[in-house]
Amino acid sequence: PAIFKIGILDFIFGTQWSPEAEIFGLLPMILGSIYATGGAILIGVPIGVLTAVFIAELAPEWLVKIVRPAVELLSGIPSVVYGFFGLIVIVPLISKNLGGPGNSLLAVCIILGIMILPTIISISETSIRAVPKEYKEGSLAMGASHIQTIFKVILPAAKSGIMAGIILGIGRAIGETMAGILISGNAAIIPKSILKPIRTLTANIALEMGYAFGLAEEALFATGVVLFIFIMLLNIILNVLTHKVGE
């Protein structure tokens, strides 16, 4: 109901969020979620896919026995611990070397990029190992090098599975709450650079739900509805892309 009380366009495209003045504009949080997820993809996907290639095709067996449990361990760490690590290590590093408060879009992108690694690595590795050995043997027999075979034959054959891993990683990134609250700065403004603070949709709900009432509380529920629709649209788009990749 809050969406219609405030106005759909004012709610989604408004640039100011001020519950005291009953002004509820969600655009800074929508853009914050998009920027944070996009940054996490830019950091996490290349590292994740290349790590999966390394584990599946290049690493000696003794090293695989070390790296794979380490990756699995990453997936079991609570998000609040990632946020605390970001607060103690990443935020001071950014503040010292790049300036600004440190609590920024860049910090969120780095931490979310690390958080999606286990999902992308494990699913991508499984997909790469599922490629029939005949593909690799045929490529090597034709005179291609091992690296050429990996990037020209094996990865294209495994791309539908890799895309599935990326989709799950994106879902993890866009739904993350606790780590984002700790390191993002939680300012409800549109960031002008990667060193500016942001607030995500999930953080907006978690921060204010404890004391919100009346229209402000309804606006937070409406924020959840927007997030739900946003994730649905994202999943539909990515599923279409994955289907095309699979073909």
C-alpha atoms as a PDB file:
ATOM      1  CA  PRO A   1       0.000   0.000   0.000  1.00  0.00           C
ATOM      2  CA  ALA A   2       2.852   2.420   0.732  1.00  0.00           C
ATOM      3  CA  ILE A   3       3.922   2.420  -2.918  1.00  0.00           C
ATOM      4  CA  PHE A   4       0.522   3.805  -3.953  1.00  0.00           C
ATOM      5  CA  LYS A   5       0.373   6.261  -1.036  1.00  0.00           C
ATOM      6  CA  ILE A   6       3.797   7.684  -1.924  1.00  0.00           C
ATOM      7  CA  GLY A   7       3.387   7.273  -5.696  1.00  0.00           C
ATOM      8  CA  ILE A   8       5.103   4.584  -7.769  1.00  0.00           C
ATOM      9  CA  LEU A   9       7.392   6.998  -9.657  1.00  0.00           C
ATOM     10  CA  ASP A  10       8.212   9.049  -6.544  1.00  0.00           C
ATOM     11  CA  PHE A  11       8.995   5.889  -4.595  1.00  0.00           C
ATOM     12  CA  ILE A  12      11.196   4.161  -7.188  1.00  0.00           C
ATOM     13  CA  PHE A  13      12.871   7.204  -8.766  1.00  0.00           C
ATOM     14  CA  GLY A  14      12.982   9.555  -5.780  1.00  0.00           C
ATOM     15  CA  THR A  15      16.534  10.490  -4.741  1.00  0.00           C
ATOM     16  CA  GLN A  16      15.894  11.378  -1.087  1.00  0.00           C
ATOM     17  CA  TRP A  17      15.105   9.007   1.797  1.00  0.00           C
ATOM     18  CA  SER A  18      13.961  10.890   4.906  1.00  0.00           C
ATOM     19  CA  PRO A  19      11.436   9.024   7.098  1.00  0.00           C
ATOM     20  CA  GLU A  20      11.154  12.004   9.496  1.00  0.00           C
ATOM     21  CA  ALA A  21       9.856  14.171   6.658  1.00  0.00           C
ATOM     22  CA  GLU A  22       7.915  11.238   5.156  1.00  0.00           C
ATOM     23  CA  ILE A  23       9.997  11.412   1.967  1.00  0.00           C
ATOM     24  CA  PHE A  24      10.706   7.952   0.608  1.00  0.00           C
ATOM     25  CA  GLY A  25      12.828   7.814  -2.551  1.00  0.00           C
ATOM     26  CA  LEU A  26      14.371   4.420  -3.241  1.00  0.00           C
ATOM     27  CA  LEU A  27      16.664   5.231  -6.191  1.00  0.00           C
ATOM     28  CA  PRO A  28      19.901   5.600  -4.119  1.00  0.00           C
ATOM     29  CA  MET A  29      19.380   2.116  -2.622  1.00  0.00           C
ATOM     30  CA  ILE A  30      18.452   0.547  -5.965  1.00  0.00           C
ATOM     31  CA  LEU A  31      21.587   1.992  -7.592  1.00  0.00           C
ATOM     32  CA  GLY A  32      23.654   1.022  -4.536  1.00  0.00           C
ATOM     33  CA  SER A  33      22.542  -2.614  -4.879  1.00  0.00           C
ATOM     34  CA  ILE A  34      23.188  -2.615  -8.649  1.00  0.00           C
ATOM     35  CA  TYR A  35      26.643  -1.015  -8.330  1.00  0.00           C
ATOM     36  CA  ALA A  36      27.689  -3.317  -5.463  1.00  0.00           C
ATOM     37  CA  THR A  37      26.535  -6.441  -7.307  1.00  0.00           C
ATOM     38  CA  GLY A  38      28.142  -5.296 -10.566  1.00  0.00           C
ATOM     39  CA  GLY A  39      31.446  -4.621  -8.808  1.00  0.00           C
ATOM     40  CA  ALA A  40      31.315  -8.009  -7.080  1.00  0.00           C
ATOM     41  CA  ILE A  41      30.794  -9.684 -10.476  1.00  0.00           C
ATOM     42  CA  LEU A  42      33.761  -7.821 -12.001  1.00  0.00           C
ATOM     43  CA  ILE A  43      35.994  -8.970  -9.145  1.00  0.00           C
ATOM     44  CA  GLY A  44      34.588 -12.413  -8.347  1.00  0.00           C
ATOM     45  CA  VAL A  45      33.772 -13.931 -11.758  1.00  0.00           C
ATOM     46  CA  PRO A  46      37.247 -13.763 -13.399  1.00  0.00           C
ATOM     47  CA  ILE A  47      39.007 -14.919 -10.219  1.00  0.00           C
ATOM     48  CA  GLY A  48      36.411 -17.652  -9.598  1.00  0.00           C
ATOM     49  CA  VAL A  49      36.415 -19.093 -13.130  1.00  0.00           C
ATOM     50  CA  LEU A  50      40.229 -19.006 -13.426  1.00  0.00           C
ATOM     51  CA  THR A  51      40.577 -20.653  -9.999  1.00  0.00           C
ATOM     52  CA  ALA A  52      38.159 -23.380 -11.115  1.00  0.00           C
ATOM     53  CA  VAL A  53      40.250 -23.903 -14.274  1.00  0.00           C
ATOM     54  CA  PHE A  54      43.388 -24.110 -12.136  1.00  0.00           C
ATOM     55  CA  ILE A  55      41.880 -26.688  -9.762  1.00  0.00           C
ATOM     56  CA  ALA A  56      40.298 -28.806 -12.505  1.00  0.00           C
ATOM     57  CA  GLU A  57      43.032 -28.720 -15.157  1.00  0.00           C
ATOM     58  CA  LEU A  58      46.371 -27.329 -14.022  1.00  0.00           C
ATOM     59  CA  ALA A  59      47.032 -27.878 -10.318  1.00  0.00           C
ATOM     60  CA  PRO A  60      48.908 -30.989  -9.108  1.00  0.00           C
ATOM     61  CA  GLU A  61      46.847 -33.325  -6.926  1.00  0.00           C
ATOM     62  CA  TRP A  62      48.588 -32.363  -3.680  1.00  0.00           C
ATOM     63  CA  LEU A  63      47.756 -28.685  -4.265  1.00  0.00           C
ATOM     64  CA  VAL A  64      44.124 -29.485  -5.149  1.00  0.00           C
ATOM     65  CA  LYS A  65      43.797 -31.189  -1.745  1.00  0.00           C
ATOM     66  CA  ILE A  66      44.777 -27.867  -0.127  1.00  0.00           C
ATOM     67  CA  VAL A  67      42.946 -25.368  -2.347  1.00  0.00           C
ATOM     68  CA  ARG A  68      39.560 -27.148  -2.577  1.00  0.00           C
ATOM     69  CA  PRO A  69      39.016 -27.429   1.221  1.00  0.00           C
ATOM     70  CA  ALA A  70      40.082 -23.769   1.526  1.00  0.00           C
ATOM     71  CA  VAL A  71      37.408 -22.770  -1.002  1.00  0.00           C
ATOM     72  CA  GLU A  72      34.800 -24.882   0.810  1.00  0.00           C
ATOM     73  CA  LEU A  73      35.828 -23.226   4.079  1.00  0.00           C
ATOM     74  CA  LEU A  74      35.103 -19.801   2.547  1.00  0.00           C
ATOM     75  CA  SER A  75      31.498 -20.832   1.886  1.00  0.00           C
ATOM     76  CA  GLY A  76      30.979 -21.745   5.552  1.00  0.00           C
ATOM     77  CA  ILE A  77      32.113 -18.415   7.011  1.00  0.00           C
ATOM     78  CA  PRO A  78      29.179 -16.271   8.298  1.00  0.00           C
ATOM     79  CA  SER A  79      28.608 -13.009   6.444  1.00  0.00           C
ATOM     80  CA  VAL A  80      29.104 -10.963   9.613  1.00  0.00           C
ATOM     81  CA  VAL A  81      32.689 -12.290   9.797  1.00  0.00           C
ATOM     82  CA  TYR A  82      33.304 -11.141   6.215  1.00  0.00           C
ATOM     83  CA  GLY A  83      31.900  -7.748   7.193  1.00  0.00           C
ATOM     84  CA  PHE A  84      34.127  -7.592  10.276  1.00  0.00           C
ATOM     85  CA  PHE A  85      37.182  -8.532   8.161  1.00  0.00           C
ATOM     86  CA  GLY A  86      36.258  -5.770   5.709  1.00  0.00           C
ATOM     87  CA  LEU A  87      35.863  -3.275   8.563  1.00  0.00           C
ATOM     88  CA  ILE A  88      39.233  -4.141  10.128  1.00  0.00           C
ATOM     89  CA  VAL A  89      41.332  -4.730   6.971  1.00  0.00           C
ATOM     90  CA  ILE A  90      39.748  -3.476   3.720  1.00  0.00           C
ATOM     91  CA  VAL A  91      38.221  -0.193   4.968  1.00  0.00           C
ATOM     92  CA  PRO A  92      41.469   1.107   6.598  1.00  0.00           C
ATOM     93  CA  LEU A  93      43.477   0.081   3.493  1.00  0.00           C
ATOM     94  CA  ILE A  94      41.158   2.045   1.187  1.00  0.00           C
ATOM     95  CA  SER A  95      41.130   5.052   3.522  1.00  0.00           C
ATOM     96  CA  LYS A  96      44.926   5.082   3.838  1.00  0.00           C
ATOM     97  CA  ASN A  97      45.826   4.541   0.168  1.00  0.00           C
ATOM     98  CA  LEU A  98      42.927   6.079  -1.769  1.00  0.00           C
ATOM     99  CA  GLY A  99      41.492   8.613   0.649  1.00  0.00           C
ATOM    100  CA  GLY A 100      37.952   9.081   1.881  1.00  0.00           C
ATOM    101  CA  PRO A 101      36.342   7.408   4.882  1.00  0.00           C
ATOM    102  CA  GLY A 102      37.041   3.880   3.593  1.00  0.00           C
ATOM    103  CA  ASN A 103      33.432   2.777   4.131  1.00  0.00           C
ATOM    104  CA  SER A 104      32.584   2.826   0.459  1.00  0.00           C
ATOM    105  CA  LEU A 105      31.245   1.167  -2.663  1.00  0.00           C
ATOM    106  CA  LEU A 106      34.735  -0.199  -3.379  1.00  0.00           C
ATOM    107  CA  ALA A 107      34.911  -1.936   0.015  1.00  0.00           C
ATOM    108  CA  VAL A 108      31.494  -3.540  -0.555  1.00  0.00           C
ATOM    109  CA  CYS A 109      32.500  -4.709  -4.062  1.00  0.00           C
ATOM    110  CA  ILE A 110      35.704  -6.322  -2.749  1.00  0.00           C
ATOM    111  CA  ILE A 111      33.996  -8.156   0.128  1.00  0.00           C
ATOM    112  CA  LEU A 112      31.033  -9.315  -1.995  1.00  0.00           C
ATOM    113  CA  GLY A 113      33.498 -10.405  -4.692  1.00  0.00           C
ATOM    114  CA  ILE A 114      35.232 -12.612  -2.110  1.00  0.00           C
ATOM    115  CA  MET A 115      31.906 -13.915  -0.763  1.00  0.00           C
ATOM    116  CA  ILE A 116      30.678 -15.168  -4.155  1.00  0.00           C
ATOM    117  CA  LEU A 117      33.941 -16.974  -4.937  1.00  0.00           C
ATOM    118  CA  PRO A 118      33.070 -20.349  -3.312  1.00  0.00           C
ATOM    119  CA  THR A 119      29.805 -20.657  -5.274  1.00  0.00           C
ATOM    120  CA  ILE A 120      31.379 -19.763  -8.620  1.00  0.00           C
ATOM    121  CA  ILE A 121      34.499 -21.872  -8.081  1.00  0.00           C
ATOM    122  CA  SER A 122      32.755 -25.072  -6.942  1.00  0.00           C
ATOM    123  CA  ILE A 123      30.050 -25.058  -9.652  1.00  0.00           C
ATOM    124  CA  SER A 124      32.493 -24.018 -12.413  1.00  0.00           C
ATOM    125  CA  GLU A 125      34.951 -26.747 -11.391  1.00  0.00           C
ATOM    126  CA  THR A 126      32.192 -29.370 -11.486  1.00  0.00           C
ATOM    127  CA  SER A 127      31.117 -28.161 -14.936  1.00  0.00           C
ATOM    128  CA  ILE A 128      34.686 -28.233 -16.277  1.00  0.00           C
ATOM    129  CA  ARG A 129      35.263 -31.757 -14.959  1.00  0.00           C
ATOM    130  CA  ALA A 130      31.971 -32.859 -16.570  1.00  0.00           C
ATOM    131  CA  VAL A 131      33.232 -32.025 -20.088  1.00  0.00           C
ATOM    132  CA  PRO A 132      33.888 -35.337 -21.939  1.00  0.00           C
ATOM    133  CA  LYS A 133      37.601 -36.236 -22.091  1.00  0.00           C
ATOM    134  CA  GLU A 134      37.248 -36.854 -25.824  1.00  0.00           C
ATOM    135  CA  TYR A 135      36.937 -33.071 -26.360  1.00  0.00           C
ATOM    136  CA  LYS A 136      40.285 -32.467 -24.700  1.00  0.00           C
ATOM    137  CA  GLU A 137      42.001 -35.445 -26.325  1.00  0.00           C
ATOM    138  CA  GLY A 138      40.737 -34.450 -29.779  1.00  0.00           C
ATOM    139  CA  SER A 139      41.979 -30.880 -29.337  1.00  0.00           C
ATOM    140  CA  LEU A 140      45.412 -31.999 -28.156  1.00  0.00           C
ATOM    141  CA  ALA A 141      45.622 -34.508 -31.021  1.00  0.00           C
ATOM    142  CA  MET A 142      44.979 -31.654 -33.474  1.00  0.00           C
ATOM    143  CA  GLY A 143      48.093 -29.913 -32.163  1.00  0.00           C
ATOM    144  CA  ALA A 144      46.538 -27.368 -29.752  1.00  0.00           C
ATOM    145  CA  SER A 145      48.407 -26.589 -26.536  1.00  0.00           C
ATOM    146  CA  HIS A 146      46.933 -27.364 -23.133  1.00  0.00           C
ATOM    147  CA  ILE A 147      46.089 -23.690 -22.498  1.00  0.00           C
ATOM    148  CA  GLN A 148      44.504 -23.313 -25.940  1.00  0.00           C
ATOM    149  CA  THR A 149      42.446 -26.446 -25.290  1.00  0.00           C
ATOM    150  CA  ILE A 150      41.224 -25.080 -21.943  1.00  0.00           C
ATOM    151  CA  PHE A 151      40.085 -21.707 -23.297  1.00  0.00           C
ATOM    152  CA  LYS A 152      38.960 -22.728 -26.801  1.00  0.00           C
ATOM    153  CA  VAL A 153      37.374 -26.127 -26.115  1.00  0.00           C
ATOM    154  CA  ILE A 154      36.765 -26.964 -22.443  1.00  0.00           C
ATOM    155  CA  LEU A 155      35.413 -23.601 -21.186  1.00  0.00           C
ATOM    156  CA  PRO A 156      32.992 -23.137 -24.136  1.00  0.00           C
ATOM    157  CA  ALA A 157      31.713 -26.690 -23.558  1.00  0.00           C
ATOM    158  CA  ALA A 158      31.194 -25.972 -19.836  1.00  0.00           C
ATOM    159  CA  LYS A 159      29.764 -22.448 -20.212  1.00  0.00           C
ATOM    160  CA  SER A 160      26.147 -23.289 -19.291  1.00  0.00           C
ATOM    161  CA  GLY A 161      27.273 -24.696 -15.937  1.00  0.00           C
ATOM    162  CA  ILE A 162      29.623 -21.780 -15.375  1.00  0.00           C
ATOM    163  CA  MET A 163      26.763 -19.340 -16.072  1.00  0.00           C
ATOM    164  CA  ALA A 164      24.628 -21.175 -13.514  1.00  0.00           C
ATOM    165  CA  GLY A 165      27.371 -20.678 -10.921  1.00  0.00           C
ATOM    166  CA  ILE A 166      27.600 -16.980 -11.788  1.00  0.00           C
ATOM    167  CA  ILE A 167      23.813 -16.595 -11.410  1.00  0.00           C
ATOM    168  CA  LEU A 168      23.918 -18.159  -7.934  1.00  0.00           C
ATOM    169  CA  GLY A 169      26.846 -15.891  -7.057  1.00  0.00           C
ATOM    170  CA  ILE A 170      24.864 -12.827  -8.159  1.00  0.00           C
ATOM    171  CA  GLY A 171      21.942 -13.990  -6.001  1.00  0.00           C
ATOM    172  CA  ARG A 172      24.281 -14.219  -3.007  1.00  0.00           C
ATOM    173  CA  ALA A 173      25.718 -10.759  -3.668  1.00  0.00           C
ATOM    174  CA  ILE A 174      22.433  -8.919  -4.165  1.00  0.00           C
ATOM    175  CA  GLY A 175      20.828 -10.509  -1.088  1.00  0.00           C
ATOM    176  CA  GLU A 176      23.736  -9.864   1.281  1.00  0.00           C
ATOM    177  CA  THR A 177      22.833  -7.720   4.286  1.00  0.00           C
ATOM    178  CA  MET A 178      25.168  -7.923   7.272  1.00  0.00           C
ATOM    179  CA  ALA A 179      28.519  -7.462   5.537  1.00  0.00           C
ATOM    180  CA  GLY A 180      27.108  -4.536   3.581  1.00  0.00           C
ATOM    181  CA  ILE A 181      25.830  -2.791   6.707  1.00  0.00           C
ATOM    182  CA  LEU A 182      29.259  -2.968   8.354  1.00  0.00           C
ATOM    183  CA  ILE A 183      31.379  -1.575   5.506  1.00  0.00           C
ATOM    184  CA  SER A 184      29.164   0.416   3.119  1.00  0.00           C
ATOM    185  CA  GLY A 185      28.801   3.619   5.151  1.00  0.00           C
ATOM    186  CA  ASN A 186      24.979   3.305   4.868  1.00  0.00           C
ATOM    187  CA  ALA A 187      24.445   6.758   3.385  1.00  0.00           C
ATOM    188  CA  ALA A 188      21.215   6.968   1.394  1.00  0.00           C
ATOM    189  CA  ILE A 189      22.815   8.947  -1.438  1.00  0.00           C
ATOM    190  CA  ILE A 190      23.635   8.189  -5.067  1.00  0.00           C
ATOM    191  CA  PRO A 191      27.415   7.483  -5.094  1.00  0.00           C
ATOM    192  CA  LYS A 192      29.416   9.737  -7.422  1.00  0.00           C
ATOM    193  CA  SER A 193      32.529   7.522  -7.212  1.00  0.00           C
ATOM    194  CA  ILE A 194      33.605   4.106  -5.926  1.00  0.00           C
ATOM    195  CA  LEU A 195      35.085   5.786  -2.829  1.00  0.00           C
ATOM    196  CA  LYS A 196      31.709   7.185  -1.701  1.00  0.00           C
ATOM    197  CA  PRO A 197      29.445   5.421   0.833  1.00  0.00           C
ATOM    198  CA  ILE A 198      26.318   3.605  -0.349  1.00  0.00           C
ATOM    199  CA  ARG A 199      23.267   1.887   1.092  1.00  0.00           C
ATOM    200  CA  THR A 200      21.779  -1.278  -0.413  1.00  0.00           C
ATOM    201  CA  LEU A 201      18.118  -2.321  -0.466  1.00  0.00           C
ATOM    202  CA  THR A 202      18.673  -5.095   2.077  1.00  0.00           C
ATOM    203  CA  ALA A 203      20.650  -2.817   4.407  1.00  0.00           C
ATOM    204  CA  ASN A 204      17.905  -0.177   4.188  1.00  0.00           C
ATOM    205  CA  ILE A 205      15.334  -2.672   5.492  1.00  0.00           C
ATOM    206  CA  ALA A 206      17.587  -4.103   8.221  1.00  0.00           C
ATOM    207  CA  LEU A 207      18.751  -0.715   9.542  1.00  0.00           C
ATOM    208  CA  GLU A 208      15.350   0.916   9.957  1.00  0.00           C
ATOM    209  CA  MET A 209      12.858  -1.884  10.591  1.00  0.00           C
ATOM    210  CA  GLY A 210      13.568  -1.956  14.333  1.00  0.00           C
ATOM    211  CA  TYR A 211      12.196   1.525  14.992  1.00  0.00           C
ATOM    212  CA  ALA A 212      10.053   2.353  11.942  1.00  0.00           C
ATOM    213  CA  PHE A 213       6.300   2.787  12.331  1.00  0.00           C
ATOM    214  CA  GLY A 214       3.356   3.939  10.258  1.00  0.00           C
ATOM    215  CA  LEU A 215       4.138   4.921   6.678  1.00  0.00           C
ATOM    216  CA  ALA A 216       7.876   4.445   7.239  1.00  0.00           C
ATOM    217  CA  GLU A 217       7.316   0.806   8.204  1.00  0.00           C
ATOM    218  CA  GLU A 218       5.048   0.291   5.194  1.00  0.00           C
ATOM    219  CA  ALA A 219       7.738   1.856   2.970  1.00  0.00           C
ATOM    220  CA  LEU A 220      10.265  -0.705   4.247  1.00  0.00           C
ATOM    221  CA  PHE A 221       7.875  -3.541   3.379  1.00  0.00           C
ATOM    222  CA  ALA A 222       7.478  -1.902  -0.037  1.00  0.00           C
ATOM    223  CA  THR A 223      11.285  -1.893  -0.323  1.00  0.00           C
ATOM    224  CA  GLY A 224      11.190  -5.660   0.202  1.00  0.00           C
ATOM    225  CA  VAL A 225       8.599  -5.985  -2.571  1.00  0.00           C
ATOM    226  CA  VAL A 226      10.808  -3.941  -4.936  1.00  0.00           C
ATOM    227  CA  LEU A 227      13.806  -6.128  -4.052  1.00  0.00           C
ATOM    228  CA  PHE A 228      11.723  -9.270  -4.667  1.00  0.00           C
ATOM    229  CA  ILE A 229      10.571  -8.023  -8.098  1.00  0.00           C
ATOM    230  CA  PHE A 230      14.111  -6.896  -8.901  1.00  0.00           C
ATOM    231  CA  ILE A 231      15.543 -10.357  -8.150  1.00  0.00           C
ATOM    232  CA  MET A 232      12.730 -12.028 -10.112  1.00  0.00           C
ATOM    233  CA  LEU A 233      13.486  -9.896 -13.189  1.00  0.00           C
ATOM    234  CA  LEU A 234      17.215 -10.550 -12.805  1.00  0.00           C
ATOM    235  CA  ASN A 235      16.638 -14.311 -12.578  1.00  0.00           C
ATOM    236  CA  ILE A 236      14.378 -14.290 -15.643  1.00  0.00           C
ATOM    237  CA  ILE A 237      16.979 -12.387 -17.698  1.00  0.00           C
ATOM    238  CA  LEU A 238      19.846 -14.601 -16.541  1.00  0.00           C
ATOM    239  CA  ASN A 239      17.845 -17.805 -17.115  1.00  0.00           C
ATOM    240  CA  VAL A 240      17.120 -16.698 -20.685  1.00  0.00           C
ATOM    241  CA  LEU A 241      20.809 -15.977 -21.216  1.00  0.00           C
ATOM    242  CA  THR A 242      21.789 -19.328 -19.686  1.00  0.00           C
ATOM    243  CA  HIS A 243      19.307 -21.138 -21.909  1.00  0.00           C
ATOM    244  CA  LYS A 244      20.786 -19.470 -24.978  1.00  0.00           C
ATOM    245  CA  VAL A 245      24.304 -20.306 -23.815  1.00  0.00           C
ATOM    246  CA  GLY A 246      23.258 -23.934 -23.262  1.00  0.00           C
ATOM    247  CA  GLU A 247      21.974 -24.129 -26.833  1.00  0.00           C
END
